[in-house]
Amino acid sequence: MPRSKNAVASRERRKKVLKMAKGYFGSRKNVWTVAKNAVEKALTYAYIGRKLRKRNFRALWITRINAGARIHGLSYSQFMGKVHAKGVELNRKALADLAMNHPDAFKAVVDAVK
């Protein structure tokens, strides 16, 4: 019995990878082996980036809360300790938004926890 290569499936697989490589420079966009490596690397970076984005946003929120808290005479750690002790149900994202865009509301939170 002759060997079956299944050219249809392998062609589809290659077309999918080459479509993902669209916009790459030079042979990375149209040479199969180079494009495959470039796309694999890009997908790895994309996966890592999805994890890093969460880390970066948390760091940004902490920085904004710290800046807002220091205006009212508290450090970030003191402020967050008091927030948890008082049982305020606002997460860092909401607190950072208040500190950045609604300073009067943030002041009310600070006064509530002091």
PDB file of N, CA and C in Angstrom:
ATOM      1  N   MET A   1       0.847  -1.181   0.000  1.00  0.00           N
ATOM      2  CA  MET A   1       0.000   0.000   0.000  1.00  0.00           C
ATOM      3  C   MET A   1       0.898   1.253   0.000  1.00  0.00           C
ATOM      4  N   PRO A   2       0.618   2.225  -0.869  1.00  0.00           N
ATOM      5  CA  PRO A   2       1.464   3.424  -0.913  1.00  0.00           C
ATOM      6  C   PRO A   2       1.300   4.279   0.335  1.00  0.00           C
ATOM      7  N   ARG A   3       2.347   5.039   0.619  1.00  0.00           N
ATOM      8  CA  ARG A   3       2.346   5.913   1.800  1.00  0.00           C
ATOM      9  C   ARG A   3       1.462   7.136   1.533  1.00  0.00           C
ATOM     10  N   SER A   4       0.692   7.511   2.506  1.00  0.00           N
ATOM     11  CA  SER A   4      -0.166   8.688   2.372  1.00  0.00           C
ATOM     12  C   SER A   4       0.509   9.876   3.055  1.00  0.00           C
ATOM     13  N   LYS A   5       0.669  10.958   2.315  1.00  0.00           N
ATOM     14  CA  LYS A   5       1.368  12.127   2.857  1.00  0.00           C
ATOM     15  C   LYS A   5       0.401  13.176   3.401  1.00  0.00           C
ATOM     16  N   ASN A   6      -0.835  13.121   2.953  1.00  0.00           N
ATOM     17  CA  ASN A   6      -1.865  14.089   3.367  1.00  0.00           C
ATOM     18  C   ASN A   6      -1.414  15.525   3.101  1.00  0.00           C
ATOM     19  N   ALA A   7      -1.202  15.819   1.844  1.00  0.00           N
ATOM     20  CA  ALA A   7      -0.730  17.142   1.435  1.00  0.00           C
ATOM     21  C   ALA A   7      -1.729  18.238   1.782  1.00  0.00           C
ATOM     22  N   VAL A   8      -3.007  17.902   1.792  1.00  0.00           N
ATOM     23  CA  VAL A   8      -4.028  18.909   2.069  1.00  0.00           C
ATOM     24  C   VAL A   8      -3.844  19.478   3.479  1.00  0.00           C
ATOM     25  N   ALA A   9      -3.686  18.597   4.445  1.00  0.00           N
ATOM     26  CA  ALA A   9      -3.558  19.044   5.836  1.00  0.00           C
ATOM     27  C   ALA A   9      -2.265  19.810   6.053  1.00  0.00           C
ATOM     28  N   SER A  10      -1.161  19.313   5.473  1.00  0.00           N
ATOM     29  CA  SER A  10       0.111  19.999   5.690  1.00  0.00           C
ATOM     30  C   SER A  10       0.106  21.366   5.006  1.00  0.00           C
ATOM     31  N   ARG A  11      -0.535  21.475   3.852  1.00  0.00           N
ATOM     32  CA  ARG A  11      -0.632  22.770   3.171  1.00  0.00           C
ATOM     33  C   ARG A  11      -1.460  23.756   4.011  1.00  0.00           C
ATOM     34  N   GLU A  12      -2.549  23.261   4.576  1.00  0.00           N
ATOM     35  CA  GLU A  12      -3.379  24.125   5.442  1.00  0.00           C
ATOM     36  C   GLU A  12      -2.580  24.630   6.640  1.00  0.00           C
ATOM     37  N   ARG A  13      -1.802  23.710   7.236  1.00  0.00           N
ATOM     38  CA  ARG A  13      -0.981  24.071   8.391  1.00  0.00           C
ATOM     39  C   ARG A  13       0.023  25.158   8.020  1.00  0.00           C
ATOM     40  N   ARG A  14       0.658  24.978   6.858  1.00  0.00           N
ATOM     41  CA  ARG A  14       1.660  25.959   6.419  1.00  0.00           C
ATOM     42  C   ARG A  14       1.012  27.290   6.084  1.00  0.00           C
ATOM     43  N   LYS A  15      -0.157  27.243   5.454  1.00  0.00           N
ATOM     44  CA  LYS A  15      -0.861  28.493   5.113  1.00  0.00           C
ATOM     45  C   LYS A  15      -1.244  29.253   6.384  1.00  0.00           C
ATOM     46  N   LYS A  16      -1.634  28.511   7.406  1.00  0.00           N
ATOM     47  CA  LYS A  16      -2.020  29.148   8.669  1.00  0.00           C
ATOM     48  C   LYS A  16      -0.831  29.879   9.282  1.00  0.00           C
ATOM     49  N   VAL A  17       0.336  29.244   9.286  1.00  0.00           N
ATOM     50  CA  VAL A  17       1.538  29.856   9.858  1.00  0.00           C
ATOM     51  C   VAL A  17       1.977  31.047   9.015  1.00  0.00           C
ATOM     52  N   LEU A  18       1.956  30.903   7.678  1.00  0.00           N
ATOM     53  CA  LEU A  18       2.363  32.007   6.811  1.00  0.00           C
ATOM     54  C   LEU A  18       1.400  33.185   6.923  1.00  0.00           C
ATOM     55  N   LYS A  19       0.133  32.909   7.194  1.00  0.00           N
ATOM     56  CA  LYS A  19      -0.825  33.997   7.403  1.00  0.00           C
ATOM     57  C   LYS A  19      -0.493  34.747   8.697  1.00  0.00           C
ATOM     58  N   MET A  20      -0.068  34.004   9.719  1.00  0.00           N
ATOM     59  CA  MET A  20       0.332  34.654  10.978  1.00  0.00           C
ATOM     60  C   MET A  20       1.593  35.480  10.806  1.00  0.00           C
ATOM     61  N   ALA A  21       2.435  35.108   9.836  1.00  0.00           N
ATOM     62  CA  ALA A  21       3.707  35.806   9.611  1.00  0.00           C
ATOM     63  C   ALA A  21       3.542  37.022   8.705  1.00  0.00           C
ATOM     64  N   LYS A  22       2.328  37.339   8.336  1.00  0.00           N
ATOM     65  CA  LYS A  22       2.072  38.474   7.452  1.00  0.00           C
ATOM     66  C   LYS A  22       2.593  39.756   8.099  1.00  0.00           C
ATOM     67  N   GLY A  23       3.323  40.544   7.326  1.00  0.00           N
ATOM     68  CA  GLY A  23       3.857  41.797   7.830  1.00  0.00           C
ATOM     69  C   GLY A  23       5.275  41.688   8.356  1.00  0.00           C
ATOM     70  N   TYR A  24       5.805  40.486   8.464  1.00  0.00           N
ATOM     71  CA  TYR A  24       7.181  40.320   8.906  1.00  0.00           C
ATOM     72  C   TYR A  24       8.130  40.763   7.803  1.00  0.00           C
ATOM     73  N   PHE A  25       9.362  41.079   8.163  1.00  0.00           N
ATOM     74  CA  PHE A  25      10.336  41.612   7.207  1.00  0.00           C
ATOM     75  C   PHE A  25      11.120  40.491   6.528  1.00  0.00           C
ATOM     76  N   GLY A  26      11.360  40.652   5.238  1.00  0.00           N
ATOM     77  CA  GLY A  26      12.231  39.744   4.501  1.00  0.00           C
ATOM     78  C   GLY A  26      11.653  38.349   4.361  1.00  0.00           C
ATOM     79  N   SER A  27      12.519  37.359   4.457  1.00  0.00           N
ATOM     80  CA  SER A  27      12.092  35.976   4.235  1.00  0.00           C
ATOM     81  C   SER A  27      11.257  35.438   5.389  1.00  0.00           C
ATOM     82  N   ARG A  28      11.172  36.194   6.483  1.00  0.00           N
ATOM     83  CA  ARG A  28      10.350  35.747   7.620  1.00  0.00           C
ATOM     84  C   ARG A  28       8.878  35.669   7.243  1.00  0.00           C
ATOM     85  N   LYS A  29       8.476  36.369   6.200  1.00  0.00           N
ATOM     86  CA  LYS A  29       7.058  36.384   5.836  1.00  0.00           C
ATOM     87  C   LYS A  29       6.668  35.330   4.803  1.00  0.00           C
ATOM     88  N   ASN A  30       7.649  34.790   4.038  1.00  0.00           N
ATOM     89  CA  ASN A  30       7.234  33.900   2.959  1.00  0.00           C
ATOM     90  C   ASN A  30       8.048  32.604   2.825  1.00  0.00           C
ATOM     91  N   VAL A  31       9.109  32.433   3.596  1.00  0.00           N
ATOM     92  CA  VAL A  31       9.855  31.177   3.566  1.00  0.00           C
ATOM     93  C   VAL A  31       9.379  30.338   4.749  1.00  0.00           C
ATOM     94  N   TRP A  32       8.896  29.137   4.456  1.00  0.00           N
ATOM     95  CA  TRP A  32       8.200  28.337   5.454  1.00  0.00           C
ATOM     96  C   TRP A  32       9.019  28.120   6.722  1.00  0.00           C
ATOM     97  N   THR A  33      10.268  27.648   6.598  1.00  0.00           N
ATOM     98  CA  THR A  33      11.033  27.300   7.799  1.00  0.00           C
ATOM     99  C   THR A  33      11.363  28.543   8.623  1.00  0.00           C
ATOM    100  N   VAL A  34      11.687  29.644   7.954  1.00  0.00           N
ATOM    101  CA  VAL A  34      12.009  30.881   8.668  1.00  0.00           C
ATOM    102  C   VAL A  34      10.748  31.433   9.313  1.00  0.00           C
ATOM    103  N   ALA A  35       9.641  31.432   8.566  1.00  0.00           N
ATOM    104  CA  ALA A  35       8.372  31.952   9.083  1.00  0.00           C
ATOM    105  C   ALA A  35       7.896  31.132  10.281  1.00  0.00           C
ATOM    106  N   LYS A  36       8.057  29.818  10.194  1.00  0.00           N
ATOM    107  CA  LYS A  36       7.616  28.948  11.301  1.00  0.00           C
ATOM    108  C   LYS A  36       8.353  29.302  12.585  1.00  0.00           C
ATOM    109  N   ASN A  37       9.674  29.473  12.476  1.00  0.00           N
ATOM    110  CA  ASN A  37      10.466  29.840  13.656  1.00  0.00           C
ATOM    111  C   ASN A  37      10.065  31.210  14.191  1.00  0.00           C
ATOM    112  N   ALA A  38       9.853  32.160  13.282  1.00  0.00           N
ATOM    113  CA  ALA A  38       9.493  33.520  13.696  1.00  0.00           C
ATOM    114  C   ALA A  38       8.138  33.538  14.393  1.00  0.00           C
ATOM    115  N   VAL A  39       7.184  32.788  13.858  1.00  0.00           N
ATOM    116  CA  VAL A  39       5.842  32.753  14.442  1.00  0.00           C
ATOM    117  C   VAL A  39       5.863  32.043  15.796  1.00  0.00           C
ATOM    118  N   GLU A  40       6.625  30.951  15.902  1.00  0.00           N
ATOM    119  CA  GLU A  40       6.731  30.260  17.194  1.00  0.00           C
ATOM    120  C   GLU A  40       7.298  31.185  18.257  1.00  0.00           C
ATOM    121  N   LYS A  41       8.342  31.937  17.893  1.00  0.00           N
ATOM    122  CA  LYS A  41       8.956  32.878  18.823  1.00  0.00           C
ATOM    123  C   LYS A  41       7.957  33.971  19.207  1.00  0.00           C
ATOM    124  N   ALA A  42       7.221  34.467  18.204  1.00  0.00           N
ATOM    125  CA  ALA A  42       6.241  35.529  18.456  1.00  0.00           C
ATOM    126  C   ALA A  42       5.130  35.046  19.377  1.00  0.00           C
ATOM    127  N   LEU A  43       4.677  33.814  19.170  1.00  0.00           N
ATOM    128  CA  LEU A  43       3.621  33.271  20.026  1.00  0.00           C
ATOM    129  C   LEU A  43       4.123  33.073  21.455  1.00  0.00           C
ATOM    130  N   THR A  44       5.394  32.720  21.595  1.00  0.00           N
ATOM    131  CA  THR A  44       5.985  32.593  22.928  1.00  0.00           C
ATOM    132  C   THR A  44       6.001  33.942  23.625  1.00  0.00           C
ATOM    133  N   TYR A  45       6.441  34.983  22.891  1.00  0.00           N
ATOM    134  CA  TYR A  45       6.461  36.331  23.465  1.00  0.00           C
ATOM    135  C   TYR A  45       5.053  36.809  23.800  1.00  0.00           C
ATOM    136  N   ALA A  46       4.078  36.462  22.960  1.00  0.00           N
ATOM    137  CA  ALA A  46       2.702  36.873  23.211  1.00  0.00           C
ATOM    138  C   ALA A  46       2.182  36.230  24.496  1.00  0.00           C
ATOM    139  N   TYR A  47       2.510  34.962  24.697  1.00  0.00           N
ATOM    140  CA  TYR A  47       2.072  34.254  25.904  1.00  0.00           C
ATOM    141  C   TYR A  47       2.690  34.902  27.141  1.00  0.00           C
ATOM    142  N   ILE A  48       3.997  35.155  27.071  1.00  0.00           N
ATOM    143  CA  ILE A  48       4.691  35.786  28.195  1.00  0.00           C
ATOM    144  C   ILE A  48       4.123  37.180  28.441  1.00  0.00           C
ATOM    145  N   GLY A  49       3.849  37.904  27.344  1.00  0.00           N
ATOM    146  CA  GLY A  49       3.328  39.268  27.452  1.00  0.00           C
ATOM    147  C   GLY A  49       1.982  39.335  28.141  1.00  0.00           C
ATOM    148  N   ARG A  50       1.150  38.313  27.938  1.00  0.00           N
ATOM    149  CA  ARG A  50      -0.148  38.306  28.612  1.00  0.00           C
ATOM    150  C   ARG A  50       0.013  38.186  30.119  1.00  0.00           C
ATOM    151  N   LYS A  51       1.067  37.509  30.560  1.00  0.00           N
ATOM    152  CA  LYS A  51       1.333  37.419  31.994  1.00  0.00           C
ATOM    153  C   LYS A  51       1.949  38.729  32.508  1.00  0.00           C
ATOM    154  N   LEU A  52       2.866  39.297  31.719  1.00  0.00           N
ATOM    155  CA  LEU A  52       3.549  40.525  32.142  1.00  0.00           C
ATOM    156  C   LEU A  52       2.591  41.707  32.227  1.00  0.00           C
ATOM    157  N   ARG A  53       1.593  41.738  31.356  1.00  0.00           N
ATOM    158  CA  ARG A  53       0.644  42.852  31.355  1.00  0.00           C
ATOM    159  C   ARG A  53      -0.050  42.984  32.712  1.00  0.00           C
ATOM    160  N   LYS A  54      -0.423  41.857  33.294  1.00  0.00           N
ATOM    161  CA  LYS A  54      -1.077  41.875  34.608  1.00  0.00           C
ATOM    162  C   LYS A  54      -0.138  42.439  35.665  1.00  0.00           C
ATOM    163  N   ARG A  55       1.136  42.025  35.600  1.00  0.00           N
ATOM    164  CA  ARG A  55       2.151  42.484  36.539  1.00  0.00           C
ATOM    165  C   ARG A  55       2.384  43.992  36.395  1.00  0.00           C
ATOM    166  N   ASN A  56       2.467  44.446  35.145  1.00  0.00           N
ATOM    167  CA  ASN A  56       2.733  45.864  34.886  1.00  0.00           C
ATOM    168  C   ASN A  56       1.586  46.750  35.346  1.00  0.00           C
ATOM    169  N   PHE A  57       0.349  46.297  35.113  1.00  0.00           N
ATOM    170  CA  PHE A  57      -0.787  47.101  35.546  1.00  0.00           C
ATOM    171  C   PHE A  57      -0.855  47.185  37.061  1.00  0.00           C
ATOM    172  N   ARG A  58      -0.572  46.077  37.747  1.00  0.00           N
ATOM    173  CA  ARG A  58      -0.588  46.115  39.209  1.00  0.00           C
ATOM    174  C   ARG A  58       0.460  47.098  39.720  1.00  0.00           C
ATOM    175  N   ALA A  59       1.650  47.105  39.126  1.00  0.00           N
ATOM    176  CA  ALA A  59       2.705  48.042  39.523  1.00  0.00           C
ATOM    177  C   ALA A  59       2.264  49.483  39.283  1.00  0.00           C
ATOM    178  N   LEU A  60       1.587  49.730  38.163  1.00  0.00           N
ATOM    179  CA  LEU A  60       1.093  51.070  37.855  1.00  0.00           C
ATOM    180  C   LEU A  60       0.054  51.512  38.879  1.00  0.00           C
ATOM    181  N   TRP A  61      -0.873  50.622  39.224  1.00  0.00           N
ATOM    182  CA  TRP A  61      -1.896  50.959  40.209  1.00  0.00           C
ATOM    183  C   TRP A  61      -1.260  51.281  41.556  1.00  0.00           C
ATOM    184  N   ILE A  62      -0.274  50.492  41.960  1.00  0.00           N
ATOM    185  CA  ILE A  62       0.397  50.713  43.240  1.00  0.00           C
ATOM    186  C   ILE A  62       1.077  52.073  43.240  1.00  0.00           C
ATOM    187  N   THR A  63       1.725  52.427  42.138  1.00  0.00           N
ATOM    188  CA  THR A  63       2.397  53.726  42.033  1.00  0.00           C
ATOM    189  C   THR A  63       1.398  54.863  42.169  1.00  0.00           C
ATOM    190  N   ARG A  64       0.267  54.738  41.511  1.00  0.00           N
ATOM    191  CA  ARG A  64      -0.754  55.800  41.562  1.00  0.00           C
ATOM    192  C   ARG A  64      -1.373  55.917  42.949  1.00  0.00           C
ATOM    193  N   ILE A  65      -1.643  54.777  43.585  1.00  0.00           N
ATOM    194  CA  ILE A  65      -2.201  54.812  44.943  1.00  0.00           C
ATOM    195  C   ILE A  65      -1.191  55.436  45.901  1.00  0.00           C
ATOM    196  N   ASN A  66       0.069  55.078  45.752  1.00  0.00           N
ATOM    197  CA  ASN A  66       1.126  55.616  46.609  1.00  0.00           C
ATOM    198  C   ASN A  66       1.200  57.137  46.469  1.00  0.00           C
ATOM    199  N   ALA A  67       1.163  57.628  45.226  1.00  0.00           N
ATOM    200  CA  ALA A  67       1.223  59.079  44.994  1.00  0.00           C
ATOM    201  C   ALA A  67       0.022  59.768  45.632  1.00  0.00           C
ATOM    202  N   GLY A  68      -1.160  59.171  45.478  1.00  0.00           N
ATOM    203  CA  GLY A  68      -2.359  59.758  46.065  1.00  0.00           C
ATOM    204  C   GLY A  68      -2.339  59.719  47.583  1.00  0.00           C
ATOM    205  N   ALA A  69      -1.842  58.632  48.144  1.00  0.00           N
ATOM    206  CA  ALA A  69      -1.818  58.491  49.600  1.00  0.00           C
ATOM    207  C   ALA A  69      -0.811  59.444  50.229  1.00  0.00           C
ATOM    208  N   ARG A  70       0.327  59.643  49.581  1.00  0.00           N
ATOM    209  CA  ARG A  70       1.366  60.519  50.138  1.00  0.00           C
ATOM    210  C   ARG A  70       0.917  61.974  50.197  1.00  0.00           C
ATOM    211  N   ILE A  71       0.016  62.366  49.305  1.00  0.00           N
ATOM    212  CA  ILE A  71      -0.550  63.721  49.369  1.00  0.00           C
ATOM    213  C   ILE A  71      -1.291  63.920  50.694  1.00  0.00           C
ATOM    214  N   HIS A  72      -1.874  62.852  51.184  1.00  0.00           N
ATOM    215  CA  HIS A  72      -2.651  62.912  52.434  1.00  0.00           C
ATOM    216  C   HIS A  72      -1.856  62.409  53.641  1.00  0.00           C
ATOM    217  N   GLY A  73      -0.543  62.303  53.510  1.00  0.00           N
ATOM    218  CA  GLY A  73       0.317  61.996  54.648  1.00  0.00           C
ATOM    219  C   GLY A  73       0.449  60.532  55.009  1.00  0.00           C
ATOM    220  N   LEU A  74       0.163  59.643  54.082  1.00  0.00           N
ATOM    221  CA  LEU A  74       0.309  58.210  54.336  1.00  0.00           C
ATOM    222  C   LEU A  74       1.200  57.600  53.256  1.00  0.00           C
ATOM    223  N   SER A  75       1.942  56.561  53.628  1.00  0.00           N
ATOM    224  CA  SER A  75       2.653  55.798  52.604  1.00  0.00           C
ATOM    225  C   SER A  75       1.684  54.766  52.035  1.00  0.00           C
ATOM    226  N   TYR A  76       2.102  54.121  50.946  1.00  0.00           N
ATOM    227  CA  TYR A  76       1.249  53.110  50.322  1.00  0.00           C
ATOM    228  C   TYR A  76       0.949  51.966  51.291  1.00  0.00           C
ATOM    229  N   SER A  77       1.988  51.484  51.974  1.00  0.00           N
ATOM    230  CA  SER A  77       1.787  50.324  52.844  1.00  0.00           C
ATOM    231  C   SER A  77       0.890  50.667  54.033  1.00  0.00           C
ATOM    232  N   GLN A  78       1.080  51.865  54.595  1.00  0.00           N
ATOM    233  CA  GLN A  78       0.206  52.287  55.696  1.00  0.00           C
ATOM    234  C   GLN A  78      -1.241  52.388  55.216  1.00  0.00           C
ATOM    235  N   PHE A  79      -1.421  53.010  54.055  1.00  0.00           N
ATOM    236  CA  PHE A  79      -2.766  53.202  53.512  1.00  0.00           C
ATOM    237  C   PHE A  79      -3.452  51.863  53.243  1.00  0.00           C
ATOM    238  N   MET A  80      -2.740  50.942  52.582  1.00  0.00           N
ATOM    239  CA  MET A  80      -3.358  49.659  52.261  1.00  0.00           C
ATOM    240  C   MET A  80      -3.617  48.826  53.515  1.00  0.00           C
ATOM    241  N   GLY A  81      -2.752  48.953  54.510  1.00  0.00           N
ATOM    242  CA  GLY A  81      -2.996  48.265  55.769  1.00  0.00           C
ATOM    243  C   GLY A  81      -4.274  48.748  56.425  1.00  0.00           C
ATOM    244  N   LYS A  82      -4.478  50.057  56.399  1.00  0.00           N
ATOM    245  CA  LYS A  82      -5.700  50.621  56.993  1.00  0.00           C
ATOM    246  C   LYS A  82      -6.935  50.287  56.167  1.00  0.00           C
ATOM    247  N   VAL A  83      -6.774  50.242  54.848  1.00  0.00           N
ATOM    248  CA  VAL A  83      -7.898  49.874  53.973  1.00  0.00           C
ATOM    249  C   VAL A  83      -8.365  48.461  54.300  1.00  0.00           C
ATOM    250  N   HIS A  84      -7.408  47.535  54.457  1.00  0.00           N
ATOM    251  CA  HIS A  84      -7.779  46.154  54.772  1.00  0.00           C
ATOM    252  C   HIS A  84      -8.332  46.037  56.192  1.00  0.00           C
ATOM    253  N   ALA A  85      -7.762  46.808  57.120  1.00  0.00           N
ATOM    254  CA  ALA A  85      -8.233  46.749  58.508  1.00  0.00           C
ATOM    255  C   ALA A  85      -9.667  47.253  58.622  1.00  0.00           C
ATOM    256  N   LYS A  86     -10.001  48.295  57.864  1.00  0.00           N
ATOM    257  CA  LYS A  86     -11.364  48.852  57.910  1.00  0.00           C
ATOM    258  C   LYS A  86     -12.346  48.053  57.073  1.00  0.00           C
ATOM    259  N   GLY A  87     -11.830  47.134  56.256  1.00  0.00           N
ATOM    260  CA  GLY A  87     -12.717  46.301  55.439  1.00  0.00           C
ATOM    261  C   GLY A  87     -13.281  47.027  54.232  1.00  0.00           C
ATOM    262  N   VAL A  88     -12.544  47.981  53.684  1.00  0.00           N
ATOM    263  CA  VAL A  88     -12.994  48.688  52.481  1.00  0.00           C
ATOM    264  C   VAL A  88     -12.860  47.739  51.296  1.00  0.00           C
ATOM    265  N   GLU A  89     -13.947  47.533  50.558  1.00  0.00           N
ATOM    266  CA  GLU A  89     -13.976  46.555  49.473  1.00  0.00           C
ATOM    267  C   GLU A  89     -13.645  47.185  48.119  1.00  0.00           C
ATOM    268  N   LEU A  90     -12.564  47.962  48.071  1.00  0.00           N
ATOM    269  CA  LEU A  90     -12.104  48.538  46.806  1.00  0.00           C
ATOM    270  C   LEU A  90     -10.773  47.895  46.440  1.00  0.00           C
ATOM    271  N   ASN A  91     -10.670  47.423  45.212  1.00  0.00           N
ATOM    272  CA  ASN A  91      -9.412  46.818  44.792  1.00  0.00           C
ATOM    273  C   ASN A  91      -8.432  47.904  44.329  1.00  0.00           C
ATOM    274  N   ARG A  92      -7.220  47.499  44.015  1.00  0.00           N
ATOM    275  CA  ARG A  92      -6.180  48.462  43.632  1.00  0.00           C
ATOM    276  C   ARG A  92      -6.534  49.205  42.357  1.00  0.00           C
ATOM    277  N   LYS A  93      -7.185  48.526  41.434  1.00  0.00           N
ATOM    278  CA  LYS A  93      -7.570  49.179  40.177  1.00  0.00           C
ATOM    279  C   LYS A  93      -8.528  50.330  40.449  1.00  0.00           C
ATOM    280  N   ALA A  94      -9.527  50.105  41.286  1.00  0.00           N
ATOM    281  CA  ALA A  94     -10.507  51.149  41.601  1.00  0.00           C
ATOM    282  C   ALA A  94      -9.861  52.268  42.405  1.00  0.00           C
ATOM    283  N   LEU A  95      -9.017  51.921  43.376  1.00  0.00           N
ATOM    284  CA  LEU A  95      -8.341  52.946  44.173  1.00  0.00           C
ATOM    285  C   LEU A  95      -7.426  53.805  43.312  1.00  0.00           C
ATOM    286  N   ALA A  96      -6.720  53.180  42.375  1.00  0.00           N
ATOM    287  CA  ALA A  96      -5.832  53.933  41.484  1.00  0.00           C
ATOM    288  C   ALA A  96      -6.629  54.876  40.596  1.00  0.00           C
ATOM    289  N   ASP A  97      -7.791  54.426  40.132  1.00  0.00           N
ATOM    290  CA  ASP A  97      -8.647  55.288  39.313  1.00  0.00           C
ATOM    291  C   ASP A  97      -9.142  56.476  40.130  1.00  0.00           C
ATOM    292  N   LEU A  98      -9.528  56.217  41.367  1.00  0.00           N
ATOM    293  CA  LEU A  98      -9.969  57.322  42.237  1.00  0.00           C
ATOM    294  C   LEU A  98      -8.831  58.302  42.490  1.00  0.00           C
ATOM    295  N   ALA A  99      -7.648  57.783  42.792  1.00  0.00           N
ATOM    296  CA  ALA A  99      -6.501  58.640  43.090  1.00  0.00           C
ATOM    297  C   ALA A  99      -6.123  59.503  41.889  1.00  0.00           C
ATOM    298  N   MET A 100      -6.260  58.939  40.691  1.00  0.00           N
ATOM    299  CA  MET A 100      -5.844  59.629  39.475  1.00  0.00           C
ATOM    300  C   MET A 100      -6.907  60.602  38.972  1.00  0.00           C
ATOM    301  N   ASN A 101      -8.148  60.156  38.888  1.00  0.00           N
ATOM    302  CA  ASN A 101      -9.193  60.923  38.199  1.00  0.00           C
ATOM    303  C   ASN A 101     -10.202  61.589  39.121  1.00  0.00           C
ATOM    304  N   HIS A 102     -10.309  61.122  40.363  1.00  0.00           N
ATOM    305  CA  HIS A 102     -11.296  61.684  41.295  1.00  0.00           C
ATOM    306  C   HIS A 102     -10.644  61.902  42.662  1.00  0.00           C
ATOM    307  N   PRO A 103      -9.770  62.934  42.771  1.00  0.00           N
ATOM    308  CA  PRO A 103      -9.020  63.124  44.022  1.00  0.00           C
ATOM    309  C   PRO A 103      -9.913  63.380  45.236  1.00  0.00           C
ATOM    310  N   ASP A 104     -11.062  64.036  45.031  1.00  0.00           N
ATOM    311  CA  ASP A 104     -11.962  64.296  46.162  1.00  0.00           C
ATOM    312  C   ASP A 104     -12.551  62.992  46.707  1.00  0.00           C
ATOM    313  N   ALA A 105     -12.909  62.080  45.815  1.00  0.00           N
ATOM    314  CA  ALA A 105     -13.414  60.775  46.241  1.00  0.00           C
ATOM    315  C   ALA A 105     -12.328  59.974  46.932  1.00  0.00           C
ATOM    316  N   PHE A 106     -11.094  60.073  46.417  1.00  0.00           N
ATOM    317  CA  PHE A 106      -9.976  59.367  47.052  1.00  0.00           C
ATOM    318  C   PHE A 106      -9.711  59.924  48.446  1.00  0.00           C
ATOM    319  N   LYS A 107      -9.845  61.254  48.586  1.00  0.00           N
ATOM    320  CA  LYS A 107      -9.673  61.877  49.898  1.00  0.00           C
ATOM    321  C   LYS A 107     -10.725  61.347  50.883  1.00  0.00           C
ATOM    322  N   ALA A 108     -11.938  61.147  50.397  1.00  0.00           N
ATOM    323  CA  ALA A 108     -12.990  60.600  51.247  1.00  0.00           C
ATOM    324  C   ALA A 108     -12.632  59.185  51.711  1.00  0.00           C
ATOM    325  N   VAL A 109     -12.041  58.390  50.832  1.00  0.00           N
ATOM    326  CA  VAL A 109     -11.599  57.037  51.213  1.00  0.00           C
ATOM    327  C   VAL A 109     -10.493  57.137  52.263  1.00  0.00           C
ATOM    328  N   VAL A 110      -9.529  58.040  52.035  1.00  0.00           N
ATOM    329  CA  VAL A 110      -8.422  58.210  52.989  1.00  0.00           C
ATOM    330  C   VAL A 110      -8.965  58.628  54.348  1.00  0.00           C
ATOM    331  N   ASP A 111      -9.901  59.570  54.352  1.00  0.00           N
ATOM    332  CA  ASP A 111     -10.486  60.023  55.626  1.00  0.00           C
ATOM    333  C   ASP A 111     -11.253  58.898  56.309  1.00  0.00           C
ATOM    334  N   ALA A 112     -11.899  58.057  55.523  1.00  0.00           N
ATOM    335  CA  ALA A 112     -12.666  56.944  56.091  1.00  0.00           C
ATOM    336  C   ALA A 112     -11.763  55.909  56.764  1.00  0.00           C
ATOM    337  N   VAL A 113     -10.558  55.721  56.243  1.00  0.00           N
ATOM    338  CA  VAL A 113      -9.689  54.694  56.810  1.00  0.00           C
ATOM    339  C   VAL A 113      -8.772  55.235  57.909  1.00  0.00           C
ATOM    340  N   LYS A 114      -8.592  56.544  57.984  1.00  0.00           N
ATOM    341  CA  LYS A 114      -7.698  57.115  58.982  1.00  0.00           C
ATOM    342  C   LYS A 114      -8.263  56.936  60.391  1.00  0.00           C
TER     343      LYS A 114
END
